[in-house]
Structures are given as C-alpha cells and as structure tokens.
Amino acid sequence: MAMICAVVFQPQGRLYYADPGSTTPQVGDHVLYPTDDGDEVAQVVWAPQWVSEDVGGLPVLAGMAGADAERDAAASRKKRATARVAARRLVREHELSMKIVGVDHRAATNQVTLYFTAPHRVDFRALVRDLGATLHCRVELRQLSARDEARLTGGIGSCGRELCCSTFLVDFEPVSVRMAKDQNLPLNPLRISGACGKLMCCLKYEHPLYQDFAATAPAVGDAVDTADGTGTVVGHDVPGENVVVRMNADGRKQACALASVCGSRRAYESRGDTIGERPTT
C-alpha cells in the first residue's frame, strides 16, 4: 500500500500525483511540488489517502507553501499574464502566423517560456528580441503539436467530461483507425476525432477487450449450438460478453452469453485447433 495525493498548478488543470511525505494537507491547501526547475506552489485537490496499489517513484512534497512561496507564485502569475498580453500584441505587429496557447515563468531564472502553434515553421527571432526588451527577461518560444495544444488548453470532450490529456494521461500512445473498426464504430472523422483533430485517445482504452473477445468468440457467419438450439452468428456484443445468434428454427435473433455458445466442430477444425493434433517436426 502507498499514500498519495493529487495537486494542480492551475484551476481545472491537469492532475499531478505525489507522495505527501511528512505533510498532511487538506483539499484546497497550497503545497510545494518538486519539479526540474525547483519547488513550485500547487493546490491540493485530492487529500492524502491510502491506495491498495504499490505506487512507487512518485515525487515527495517538499512541504506546505509558506508566505514567501505564495508571494512568489502570485508574482509569477502576474508575470505570465503580462507576457501573454505582450506576446499576442507583438505577434500581430510582426504579422506572424502563430497562436500563443500557453505561458510559463520560472522565477528562479527570470525566464518566460511561450508555447505556440503554427501551421508551418515561423521565423520568430525578431519577436523574441522584442519580447525580451518588453518583459526585461529571457524569453524562449516552443512550438506545440495539435495534441499538446489540447493538453495545455484543456476542454470538454464529446463524452461530456474534461479531456483525458489535460487531466490524467501522462503519455500519448499510438491510436489507429483499426481500433475504431474493431469496435464497430462509425468511421466518420467527426465521430472518432478529439478536440485536437486527431483520433481520440480513448479508442485505445477498450480495444484489448475487443481483441480478447474476437480471439475466443465464434466469428460472424459460424454455425453454433446454443441452449435454445442451433443458429448462425450474426454479431458480437462485446460490452455484454454476448454473441448475437440467428436461430435456425424461427429466424429470430437472440443474444446468447459467450460461455453458453459452442461452435461447430467443422469451424473449430478449420482454424487448425483440432483437439489432439500433434505438432509437426
């Protein structure tokens, strides 16, 4: 067992998990979360609690945020707001085809990092120079992909919940159209694409279940025996773990539990799985 808590760096932002260590913060408290650039002030949204899984490698909270840390965090928020306004103004003045989607400020080094999206490569050297003179700090620009933009800006998905990438997903895993086909989903781009315009990450969540079901269930068109008689498989209901069978007796369709359906021996042998078959050498 392990004790963990969850924090956010901005309201409705992505969740970051941590080991509370010696601290016992409550929901709404501000704590110091360790990052590569030093301890950052974060707000607790999930109080420490024990979980059954053995979670290891989580960062340990550096402690509760004091008055100095709160003051630095407020100054950093003000700096980010100023940088965002100045960047958007200068982008218009330089007539650059780019969109500012996020700003980060590191108080320790007085550095501002601007995240942007653009349809192609952008020469922003003059923009960086003017931003540095305006903000009186070091400025760095980083171009984001469509998925990274959705993660940073957040939003509501077609399911009515906050985007997975902006809340709990750590890495983007490959998603293919084959996953939508295997789940019998309509191949309409508007139906299977997320806020970023790419295939929805959630297509991967249940795909292994469909693969396991397809590996054990009779294929569509196979003749099967059921508790109510013989029939032909005409569909699969993976969430319900049922096989849809058209009964030979009256032609009606019936959902049968996968465990109660037996395929014909001919179909079984055609797959090369004959009982007692010896491997060739």
C-alpha atoms as a PDB file:
ATOM      1  CA  MET A   1       0.000   0.000   0.000  1.00  0.00           C
ATOM      2  CA  ALA A   2       1.022   3.608  -0.558  1.00  0.00           C
ATOM      3  CA  MET A   3      -0.240   7.035   0.372  1.00  0.00           C
ATOM      4  CA  ILE A   4      -0.716   9.530  -2.442  1.00  0.00           C
ATOM      5  CA  CYS A   5      -2.376  12.867  -3.088  1.00  0.00           C
ATOM      6  CA  ALA A   6      -3.163  14.903  -6.219  1.00  0.00           C
ATOM      7  CA  VAL A   7      -2.419  18.560  -6.928  1.00  0.00           C
ATOM      8  CA  VAL A   8      -2.964  21.066  -9.737  1.00  0.00           C
ATOM      9  CA  PHE A   9      -0.903  24.089 -10.749  1.00  0.00           C
ATOM     10  CA  GLN A  10      -3.898  25.975 -12.127  1.00  0.00           C
ATOM     11  CA  PRO A  11      -7.681  25.687 -11.642  1.00  0.00           C
ATOM     12  CA  GLN A  12      -9.208  22.814 -13.627  1.00  0.00           C
ATOM     13  CA  GLY A  13      -5.696  21.872 -14.739  1.00  0.00           C
ATOM     14  CA  ARG A  14      -4.004  18.547 -15.135  1.00  0.00           C
ATOM     15  CA  LEU A  15      -3.655  16.350 -12.066  1.00  0.00           C
ATOM     16  CA  TYR A  16      -0.199  15.603 -10.698  1.00  0.00           C
ATOM     17  CA  TYR A  17       0.217  12.837  -8.133  1.00  0.00           C
ATOM     18  CA  ALA A  18       2.686  12.940  -5.280  1.00  0.00           C
ATOM     19  CA  ASP A  19       3.723  11.264  -2.063  1.00  0.00           C
ATOM     20  CA  PRO A  20       2.658  13.619   0.764  1.00  0.00           C
ATOM     21  CA  GLY A  21       5.689  12.596   2.802  1.00  0.00           C
ATOM     22  CA  SER A  22       5.532  14.106   6.295  1.00  0.00           C
ATOM     23  CA  THR A  23       2.804  16.602   5.349  1.00  0.00           C
ATOM     24  CA  THR A  24      -0.945  16.126   5.873  1.00  0.00           C
ATOM     25  CA  PRO A  25      -2.533  18.728   3.584  1.00  0.00           C
ATOM     26  CA  GLN A  26      -6.259  19.084   3.079  1.00  0.00           C
ATOM     27  CA  VAL A  27      -8.181  19.874  -0.097  1.00  0.00           C
ATOM     28  CA  GLY A  28      -7.536  23.496  -1.020  1.00  0.00           C
ATOM     29  CA  ASP A  29      -4.191  23.783   0.782  1.00  0.00           C
ATOM     30  CA  HIS A  30      -1.133  25.018  -1.094  1.00  0.00           C
ATOM     31  CA  VAL A  31       1.950  22.809  -1.080  1.00  0.00           C
ATOM     32  CA  LEU A  32       5.425  22.769  -2.622  1.00  0.00           C
ATOM     33  CA  TYR A  33       5.654  20.276  -5.505  1.00  0.00           C
ATOM     34  CA  PRO A  34       9.186  19.370  -6.676  1.00  0.00           C
ATOM     35  CA  THR A  35       9.942  19.989 -10.373  1.00  0.00           C
ATOM     36  CA  ASP A  36      13.079  20.068 -12.510  1.00  0.00           C
ATOM     37  CA  ASP A  37      13.205  23.848 -12.035  1.00  0.00           C
ATOM     38  CA  GLY A  38      12.699  23.794  -8.274  1.00  0.00           C
ATOM     39  CA  ASP A  39       9.748  23.625  -5.930  1.00  0.00           C
ATOM     40  CA  GLU A  40       6.505  25.062  -7.346  1.00  0.00           C
ATOM     41  CA  VAL A  41       3.351  26.068  -5.478  1.00  0.00           C
ATOM     42  CA  ALA A  42       0.422  23.748  -6.231  1.00  0.00           C
ATOM     43  CA  GLN A  43      -3.070  23.312  -4.804  1.00  0.00           C
ATOM     44  CA  VAL A  44      -4.263  20.030  -3.310  1.00  0.00           C
ATOM     45  CA  VAL A  45      -7.418  18.670  -4.950  1.00  0.00           C
ATOM     46  CA  TRP A  46      -7.201  15.155  -3.517  1.00  0.00           C
ATOM     47  CA  ALA A  47      -6.220  14.826   0.126  1.00  0.00           C
ATOM     48  CA  PRO A  48      -3.668  12.122   1.037  1.00  0.00           C
ATOM     49  CA  GLN A  49      -5.145   8.660   1.279  1.00  0.00           C
ATOM     50  CA  TRP A  50      -4.007   5.082   1.188  1.00  0.00           C
ATOM     51  CA  VAL A  51      -4.322   3.117  -2.033  1.00  0.00           C
ATOM     52  CA  SER A  52      -4.029  -0.627  -2.426  1.00  0.00           C
ATOM     53  CA  GLU A  53      -1.615  -0.468  -5.366  1.00  0.00           C
ATOM     54  CA  ASP A  54       2.087  -0.315  -4.665  1.00  0.00           C
ATOM     55  CA  VAL A  55       2.819   3.019  -6.370  1.00  0.00           C
ATOM     56  CA  GLY A  56       6.486   3.912  -6.498  1.00  0.00           C
ATOM     57  CA  GLY A  57       8.585   6.680  -7.935  1.00  0.00           C
ATOM     58  CA  LEU A  58       6.186   9.491  -7.061  1.00  0.00           C
ATOM     59  CA  PRO A  59       7.723  12.868  -6.171  1.00  0.00           C
ATOM     60  CA  VAL A  60       7.588  13.709  -2.479  1.00  0.00           C
ATOM     61  CA  LEU A  61       6.048  17.034  -1.472  1.00  0.00           C
ATOM     62  CA  ALA A  62       8.667  19.451  -0.154  1.00  0.00           C
ATOM     63  CA  GLY A  63       6.261  20.817   2.451  1.00  0.00           C
ATOM     64  CA  MET A  64       3.479  23.327   2.857  1.00  0.00           C
ATOM     65  CA  ALA A  65       3.698  26.585   0.909  1.00  0.00           C
ATOM     66  CA  GLY A  66       4.699  29.481   3.156  1.00  0.00           C
ATOM     67  CA  ALA A  67       4.046  33.201   2.788  1.00  0.00           C
ATOM     68  CA  ASP A  68       7.185  33.768   0.696  1.00  0.00           C
ATOM     69  CA  ALA A  69       6.293  30.963  -1.701  1.00  0.00           C
ATOM     70  CA  GLU A  70       2.739  32.274  -2.028  1.00  0.00           C
ATOM     71  CA  ARG A  71       4.069  35.746  -2.785  1.00  0.00           C
ATOM     72  CA  ASP A  72       6.456  34.403  -5.442  1.00  0.00           C
ATOM     73  CA  ALA A  73       3.642  32.385  -7.002  1.00  0.00           C
ATOM     74  CA  ALA A  74       1.423  35.476  -7.201  1.00  0.00           C
ATOM     75  CA  ALA A  75       4.243  37.449  -8.829  1.00  0.00           C
ATOM     76  CA  SER A  76       4.793  34.620 -11.307  1.00  0.00           C
ATOM     77  CA  ARG A  77       1.085  34.579 -12.237  1.00  0.00           C
ATOM     78  CA  LYS A  78       1.219  38.344 -12.845  1.00  0.00           C
ATOM     79  CA  LYS A  79       4.326  37.912 -14.997  1.00  0.00           C
ATOM     80  CA  ARG A  80       2.625  35.215 -17.073  1.00  0.00           C
ATOM     81  CA  ALA A  81      -0.423  37.402 -17.657  1.00  0.00           C
ATOM     82  CA  THR A  82       1.762  40.323 -18.740  1.00  0.00           C
ATOM     83  CA  ALA A  83       3.787  38.097 -21.049  1.00  0.00           C
ATOM     84  CA  ARG A  84       0.672  36.648 -22.673  1.00  0.00           C
ATOM     85  CA  VAL A  85      -0.752  40.108 -23.483  1.00  0.00           C
ATOM     86  CA  ALA A  86       2.591  41.402 -24.773  1.00  0.00           C
ATOM     87  CA  ALA A  87       3.208  38.296 -26.895  1.00  0.00           C
ATOM     88  CA  ARG A  88      -0.179  38.441 -28.597  1.00  0.00           C
ATOM     89  CA  ARG A  89       0.275  42.156 -29.341  1.00  0.00           C
ATOM     90  CA  LEU A  90       3.733  41.665 -30.821  1.00  0.00           C
ATOM     91  CA  VAL A  91       2.592  38.666 -32.873  1.00  0.00           C
ATOM     92  CA  ARG A  92       0.018  40.921 -34.532  1.00  0.00           C
ATOM     93  CA  GLU A  93       2.566  43.689 -35.081  1.00  0.00           C
ATOM     94  CA  HIS A  94       5.048  41.280 -36.697  1.00  0.00           C
ATOM     95  CA  GLU A  95       2.204  39.705 -38.732  1.00  0.00           C
ATOM     96  CA  LEU A  96       3.245  36.190 -37.786  1.00  0.00           C
ATOM     97  CA  SER A  97       1.022  33.182 -38.493  1.00  0.00           C
ATOM     98  CA  MET A  98       1.134  31.733 -34.995  1.00  0.00           C
ATOM     99  CA  LYS A  99      -1.090  31.391 -31.932  1.00  0.00           C
ATOM    100  CA  ILE A 100       0.071  31.778 -28.325  1.00  0.00           C
ATOM    101  CA  VAL A 101      -1.541  28.982 -26.296  1.00  0.00           C
ATOM    102  CA  GLY A 102       0.429  28.958 -23.049  1.00  0.00           C
ATOM    103  CA  VAL A 103       2.938  30.851 -20.931  1.00  0.00           C
ATOM    104  CA  ASP A 104       5.295  29.638 -18.233  1.00  0.00           C
ATOM    105  CA  HIS A 105       7.511  31.692 -15.923  1.00  0.00           C
ATOM    106  CA  ARG A 106      10.467  30.476 -13.881  1.00  0.00           C
ATOM    107  CA  ALA A 107      11.086  32.866 -11.040  1.00  0.00           C
ATOM    108  CA  ALA A 108      14.483  31.389 -10.162  1.00  0.00           C
ATOM    109  CA  THR A 109      15.978  32.246 -13.567  1.00  0.00           C
ATOM    110  CA  ASN A 110      13.537  35.011 -14.557  1.00  0.00           C
ATOM    111  CA  GLN A 111      12.747  33.190 -17.783  1.00  0.00           C
ATOM    112  CA  VAL A 112       9.474  33.234 -19.711  1.00  0.00           C
ATOM    113  CA  THR A 113       8.596  30.314 -21.983  1.00  0.00           C
ATOM    114  CA  LEU A 114       5.882  30.881 -24.580  1.00  0.00           C
ATOM    115  CA  TYR A 115       4.112  27.922 -26.170  1.00  0.00           C
ATOM    116  CA  PHE A 116       2.572  28.423 -29.599  1.00  0.00           C
ATOM    117  CA  THR A 117       1.042  26.593 -32.522  1.00  0.00           C
ATOM    118  CA  ALA A 118       1.548  27.382 -36.189  1.00  0.00           C
ATOM    119  CA  PRO A 119       0.661  25.682 -39.491  1.00  0.00           C
ATOM    120  CA  HIS A 120       4.311  25.818 -40.580  1.00  0.00           C
ATOM    121  CA  ARG A 121       7.729  26.928 -39.420  1.00  0.00           C
ATOM    122  CA  VAL A 122       7.897  30.522 -38.200  1.00  0.00           C
ATOM    123  CA  ASP A 123      10.876  32.885 -38.065  1.00  0.00           C
ATOM    124  CA  PHE A 124      10.329  34.407 -34.635  1.00  0.00           C
ATOM    125  CA  ARG A 125      13.801  35.795 -33.973  1.00  0.00           C
ATOM    126  CA  ALA A 126      12.594  39.405 -34.138  1.00  0.00           C
ATOM    127  CA  LEU A 127       9.651  38.517 -31.894  1.00  0.00           C
ATOM    128  CA  VAL A 128      11.939  37.033 -29.236  1.00  0.00           C
ATOM    129  CA  ARG A 129      14.137  40.109 -29.306  1.00  0.00           C
ATOM    130  CA  ASP A 130      11.192  42.499 -28.850  1.00  0.00           C
ATOM    131  CA  LEU A 131       9.647  40.332 -26.146  1.00  0.00           C
ATOM    132  CA  GLY A 132      12.888  40.286 -24.175  1.00  0.00           C
ATOM    133  CA  ALA A 133      13.101  44.079 -24.356  1.00  0.00           C
ATOM    134  CA  THR A 134       9.451  44.443 -23.306  1.00  0.00           C
ATOM    135  CA  LEU A 135       9.418  41.912 -20.460  1.00  0.00           C
ATOM    136  CA  HIS A 136      13.024  42.512 -19.291  1.00  0.00           C
ATOM    137  CA  CYS A 137      13.769  38.817 -19.027  1.00  0.00           C
ATOM    138  CA  ARG A 138      14.979  35.876 -21.042  1.00  0.00           C
ATOM    139  CA  VAL A 139      12.336  34.601 -23.495  1.00  0.00           C
ATOM    140  CA  GLU A 140      12.050  31.167 -25.086  1.00  0.00           C
ATOM    141  CA  LEU A 141       9.452  30.008 -27.653  1.00  0.00           C
ATOM    142  CA  ARG A 142       8.372  26.399 -28.142  1.00  0.00           C
ATOM    143  CA  GLN A 143       6.099  25.108 -30.874  1.00  0.00           C
ATOM    144  CA  LEU A 144       3.456  22.564 -29.862  1.00  0.00           C
ATOM    145  CA  SER A 145       1.652  19.844 -31.795  1.00  0.00           C
ATOM    146  CA  ALA A 146      -2.141  19.673 -32.008  1.00  0.00           C
ATOM    147  CA  ARG A 147      -2.279  17.084 -29.202  1.00  0.00           C
ATOM    148  CA  ASP A 148      -0.008  19.126 -26.951  1.00  0.00           C
ATOM    149  CA  GLU A 149      -2.173  22.193 -27.541  1.00  0.00           C
ATOM    150  CA  ALA A 150      -5.289  20.311 -26.429  1.00  0.00           C
ATOM    151  CA  ARG A 151      -3.437  19.059 -23.343  1.00  0.00           C
ATOM    152  CA  LEU A 152      -2.339  22.580 -22.436  1.00  0.00           C
ATOM    153  CA  THR A 153      -5.582  24.452 -23.114  1.00  0.00           C
ATOM    154  CA  GLY A 154      -7.977  21.738 -21.916  1.00  0.00           C
ATOM    155  CA  GLY A 155     -11.650  21.476 -22.806  1.00  0.00           C
ATOM    156  CA  ILE A 156     -14.659  19.169 -22.834  1.00  0.00           C
ATOM    157  CA  GLY A 157     -14.733  16.028 -24.961  1.00  0.00           C
ATOM    158  CA  SER A 158     -17.664  14.502 -26.828  1.00  0.00           C
ATOM    159  CA  CYS A 159     -18.335  12.347 -23.761  1.00  0.00           C
ATOM    160  CA  GLY A 160     -19.094  15.466 -21.702  1.00  0.00           C
ATOM    161  CA  ARG A 161     -16.036  15.069 -19.489  1.00  0.00           C
ATOM    162  CA  GLU A 162     -12.778  17.019 -19.373  1.00  0.00           C
ATOM    163  CA  LEU A 163     -10.161  15.954 -21.890  1.00  0.00           C
ATOM    164  CA  CYS A 164      -8.137  12.935 -20.789  1.00  0.00           C
ATOM    165  CA  CYS A 165      -4.887  14.513 -21.971  1.00  0.00           C
ATOM    166  CA  SER A 166      -5.403  17.583 -19.786  1.00  0.00           C
ATOM    167  CA  THR A 167      -6.300  15.645 -16.646  1.00  0.00           C
ATOM    168  CA  PHE A 168      -4.644  12.247 -16.170  1.00  0.00           C
ATOM    169  CA  LEU A 169      -2.899  10.992 -19.324  1.00  0.00           C
ATOM    170  CA  VAL A 170       0.880  11.061 -18.966  1.00  0.00           C
ATOM    171  CA  ASP A 171       1.963   9.970 -22.462  1.00  0.00           C
ATOM    172  CA  PHE A 172       0.260   9.830 -25.835  1.00  0.00           C
ATOM    173  CA  GLU A 173       0.015   6.256 -27.088  1.00  0.00           C
ATOM    174  CA  PRO A 174      -0.445   5.371 -30.774  1.00  0.00           C
ATOM    175  CA  VAL A 175      -4.083   5.190 -31.915  1.00  0.00           C
ATOM    176  CA  SER A 176      -5.139   3.766 -35.291  1.00  0.00           C
ATOM    177  CA  VAL A 177      -8.305   3.576 -37.374  1.00  0.00           C
ATOM    178  CA  ARG A 178      -8.117  -0.219 -36.972  1.00  0.00           C
ATOM    179  CA  MET A 179      -9.080   0.237 -33.312  1.00  0.00           C
ATOM    180  CA  ALA A 180     -12.283   2.015 -34.351  1.00  0.00           C
ATOM    181  CA  LYS A 181     -13.052  -0.732 -36.902  1.00  0.00           C
ATOM    182  CA  ASP A 182     -12.521  -3.489 -34.339  1.00  0.00           C
ATOM    183  CA  GLN A 183     -15.005  -1.739 -32.015  1.00  0.00           C
ATOM    184  CA  ASN A 184     -17.608  -1.351 -34.792  1.00  0.00           C
ATOM    185  CA  LEU A 185     -17.519   2.425 -34.506  1.00  0.00           C
ATOM    186  CA  PRO A 186     -18.558   4.675 -37.412  1.00  0.00           C
ATOM    187  CA  LEU A 187     -15.505   5.763 -39.384  1.00  0.00           C
ATOM    188  CA  ASN A 188     -16.756   9.346 -39.539  1.00  0.00           C
ATOM    189  CA  PRO A 189     -13.824  11.637 -38.653  1.00  0.00           C
ATOM    190  CA  LEU A 190     -16.206  13.905 -36.727  1.00  0.00           C
ATOM    191  CA  ARG A 191     -17.250  10.982 -34.525  1.00  0.00           C
ATOM    192  CA  ILE A 192     -13.862   9.473 -33.719  1.00  0.00           C
ATOM    193  CA  SER A 193     -11.692  12.611 -33.547  1.00  0.00           C
ATOM    194  CA  GLY A 194     -10.921  14.551 -30.394  1.00  0.00           C
ATOM    195  CA  ALA A 195     -10.602  18.263 -29.712  1.00  0.00           C
ATOM    196  CA  CYS A 196      -7.123  18.205 -31.267  1.00  0.00           C
ATOM    197  CA  GLY A 197      -8.444  16.863 -34.568  1.00  0.00           C
ATOM    198  CA  LYS A 198      -6.596  13.565 -34.130  1.00  0.00           C
ATOM    199  CA  LEU A 199      -8.076  10.153 -33.327  1.00  0.00           C
ATOM    200  CA  MET A 200      -9.461  10.067 -29.783  1.00  0.00           C
ATOM    201  CA  CYS A 201      -7.088   8.611 -27.197  1.00  0.00           C
ATOM    202  CA  CYS A 202      -9.974   6.708 -25.585  1.00  0.00           C
ATOM    203  CA  LEU A 203     -10.202   4.427 -28.637  1.00  0.00           C
ATOM    204  CA  LYS A 204      -7.310   2.535 -27.054  1.00  0.00           C
ATOM    205  CA  TYR A 205      -8.921   2.043 -23.644  1.00  0.00           C
ATOM    206  CA  GLU A 206     -11.284  -0.839 -24.505  1.00  0.00           C
ATOM    207  CA  HIS A 207      -9.522  -2.136 -27.609  1.00  0.00           C
ATOM    208  CA  PRO A 208      -7.760  -5.012 -25.776  1.00  0.00           C
ATOM    209  CA  LEU A 209     -11.182  -6.286 -24.630  1.00  0.00           C
ATOM    210  CA  TYR A 210     -12.385  -6.440 -28.243  1.00  0.00           C
ATOM    211  CA  GLN A 211      -9.210  -8.262 -29.263  1.00  0.00           C
ATOM    212  CA  ASP A 212      -9.614 -10.851 -26.490  1.00  0.00           C
ATOM    213  CA  PHE A 213     -13.291 -11.314 -27.348  1.00  0.00           C
ATOM    214  CA  ALA A 214     -12.533 -11.815 -31.052  1.00  0.00           C
ATOM    215  CA  ALA A 215      -9.892 -14.416 -30.179  1.00  0.00           C
ATOM    216  CA  THR A 216     -12.332 -16.586 -28.186  1.00  0.00           C
ATOM    217  CA  ALA A 217     -15.774 -15.941 -29.699  1.00  0.00           C
ATOM    218  CA  PRO A 218     -17.175 -17.672 -32.796  1.00  0.00           C
ATOM    219  CA  ALA A 219     -16.743 -15.485 -35.880  1.00  0.00           C
ATOM    220  CA  VAL A 220     -19.672 -13.884 -37.672  1.00  0.00           C
ATOM    221  CA  GLY A 221     -21.132 -16.496 -40.018  1.00  0.00           C
ATOM    222  CA  ASP A 222     -20.138 -19.506 -37.904  1.00  0.00           C
ATOM    223  CA  ALA A 223     -22.719 -22.150 -37.078  1.00  0.00           C
ATOM    224  CA  VAL A 224     -23.123 -22.572 -33.322  1.00  0.00           C
ATOM    225  CA  ASP A 225     -25.065 -24.549 -30.774  1.00  0.00           C
ATOM    226  CA  THR A 226     -26.914 -22.697 -28.010  1.00  0.00           C
ATOM    227  CA  ALA A 227     -29.147 -23.685 -25.124  1.00  0.00           C
ATOM    228  CA  ASP A 228     -32.177 -22.891 -27.340  1.00  0.00           C
ATOM    229  CA  GLY A 229     -30.964 -24.711 -30.435  1.00  0.00           C
ATOM    230  CA  THR A 230     -28.653 -24.224 -33.377  1.00  0.00           C
ATOM    231  CA  GLY A 231     -28.084 -20.978 -35.240  1.00  0.00           C
ATOM    232  CA  THR A 232     -25.647 -18.692 -37.047  1.00  0.00           C
ATOM    233  CA  VAL A 233     -23.599 -15.916 -35.507  1.00  0.00           C
ATOM    234  CA  VAL A 234     -24.644 -12.536 -36.921  1.00  0.00           C
ATOM    235  CA  GLY A 235     -22.976 -10.153 -34.455  1.00  0.00           C
ATOM    236  CA  HIS A 236     -20.981  -9.585 -31.282  1.00  0.00           C
ATOM    237  CA  ASP A 237     -21.905  -7.637 -28.159  1.00  0.00           C
ATOM    238  CA  VAL A 238     -18.503  -7.199 -26.556  1.00  0.00           C
ATOM    239  CA  PRO A 239     -19.530  -4.997 -23.570  1.00  0.00           C
ATOM    240  CA  GLY A 240     -22.228  -7.521 -22.643  1.00  0.00           C
ATOM    241  CA  GLU A 241     -19.997 -10.525 -23.474  1.00  0.00           C
ATOM    242  CA  ASN A 242     -22.779 -11.859 -25.705  1.00  0.00           C
ATOM    243  CA  VAL A 243     -22.939 -13.381 -29.161  1.00  0.00           C
ATOM    244  CA  VAL A 244     -25.912 -12.447 -31.362  1.00  0.00           C
ATOM    245  CA  VAL A 245     -27.275 -15.591 -32.996  1.00  0.00           C
ATOM    246  CA  ARG A 246     -29.962 -16.028 -35.664  1.00  0.00           C
ATOM    247  CA  MET A 247     -31.830 -19.175 -34.684  1.00  0.00           C
ATOM    248  CA  ASN A 248     -32.362 -21.770 -37.408  1.00  0.00           C
ATOM    249  CA  ALA A 249     -35.767 -22.764 -36.079  1.00  0.00           C
ATOM    250  CA  ASP A 250     -37.631 -19.462 -36.476  1.00  0.00           C
ATOM    251  CA  GLY A 251     -35.045 -16.960 -37.822  1.00  0.00           C
ATOM    252  CA  ARG A 252     -35.190 -14.717 -34.763  1.00  0.00           C
ATOM    253  CA  LYS A 253     -32.070 -13.029 -33.390  1.00  0.00           C
ATOM    254  CA  GLN A 254     -31.073 -13.823 -29.849  1.00  0.00           C
ATOM    255  CA  ALA A 255     -28.263 -12.557 -27.611  1.00  0.00           C
ATOM    256  CA  CYS A 256     -26.532 -15.517 -26.017  1.00  0.00           C
ATOM    257  CA  ALA A 257     -23.841 -15.447 -23.369  1.00  0.00           C
ATOM    258  CA  LEU A 258     -20.441 -16.255 -24.838  1.00  0.00           C
ATOM    259  CA  ALA A 259     -19.905 -19.023 -22.284  1.00  0.00           C
ATOM    260  CA  SER A 260     -23.113 -20.789 -23.393  1.00  0.00           C
ATOM    261  CA  VAL A 261     -22.331 -20.829 -27.128  1.00  0.00           C
ATOM    262  CA  CYS A 262     -20.474 -23.717 -28.725  1.00  0.00           C
ATOM    263  CA  GLY A 263     -19.104 -23.513 -32.242  1.00  0.00           C
ATOM    264  CA  SER A 264     -19.401 -26.360 -34.708  1.00  0.00           C
ATOM    265  CA  ARG A 265     -16.547 -28.854 -34.876  1.00  0.00           C
ATOM    266  CA  ARG A 266     -16.024 -28.091 -38.567  1.00  0.00           C
ATOM    267  CA  ALA A 267     -15.430 -24.395 -37.857  1.00  0.00           C
ATOM    268  CA  TYR A 268     -13.221 -25.336 -34.910  1.00  0.00           C
ATOM    269  CA  GLU A 269     -11.062 -27.641 -37.007  1.00  0.00           C
ATOM    270  CA  SER A 270     -10.823 -25.114 -39.860  1.00  0.00           C
ATOM    271  CA  ARG A 271      -8.872 -22.849 -37.518  1.00  0.00           C
ATOM    272  CA  GLY A 272      -6.209 -25.522 -37.058  1.00  0.00           C
ATOM    273  CA  ASP A 273      -7.062 -26.071 -33.397  1.00  0.00           C
ATOM    274  CA  THR A 274      -8.190 -29.689 -33.599  1.00  0.00           C
ATOM    275  CA  ILE A 275      -8.132 -31.409 -30.237  1.00  0.00           C
ATOM    276  CA  GLY A 276      -5.290 -33.854 -30.016  1.00  0.00           C
ATOM    277  CA  GLU A 277      -3.497 -32.524 -33.060  1.00  0.00           C
ATOM    278  CA  ARG A 278       0.207 -33.154 -32.777  1.00  0.00           C
ATOM    279  CA  PRO A 279       2.733 -30.516 -33.820  1.00  0.00           C
ATOM    280  CA  THR A 280       4.743 -31.337 -36.917  1.00  0.00           C
ATOM    281  CA  THR A 281       8.504 -31.523 -36.739  1.00  0.00           C
END
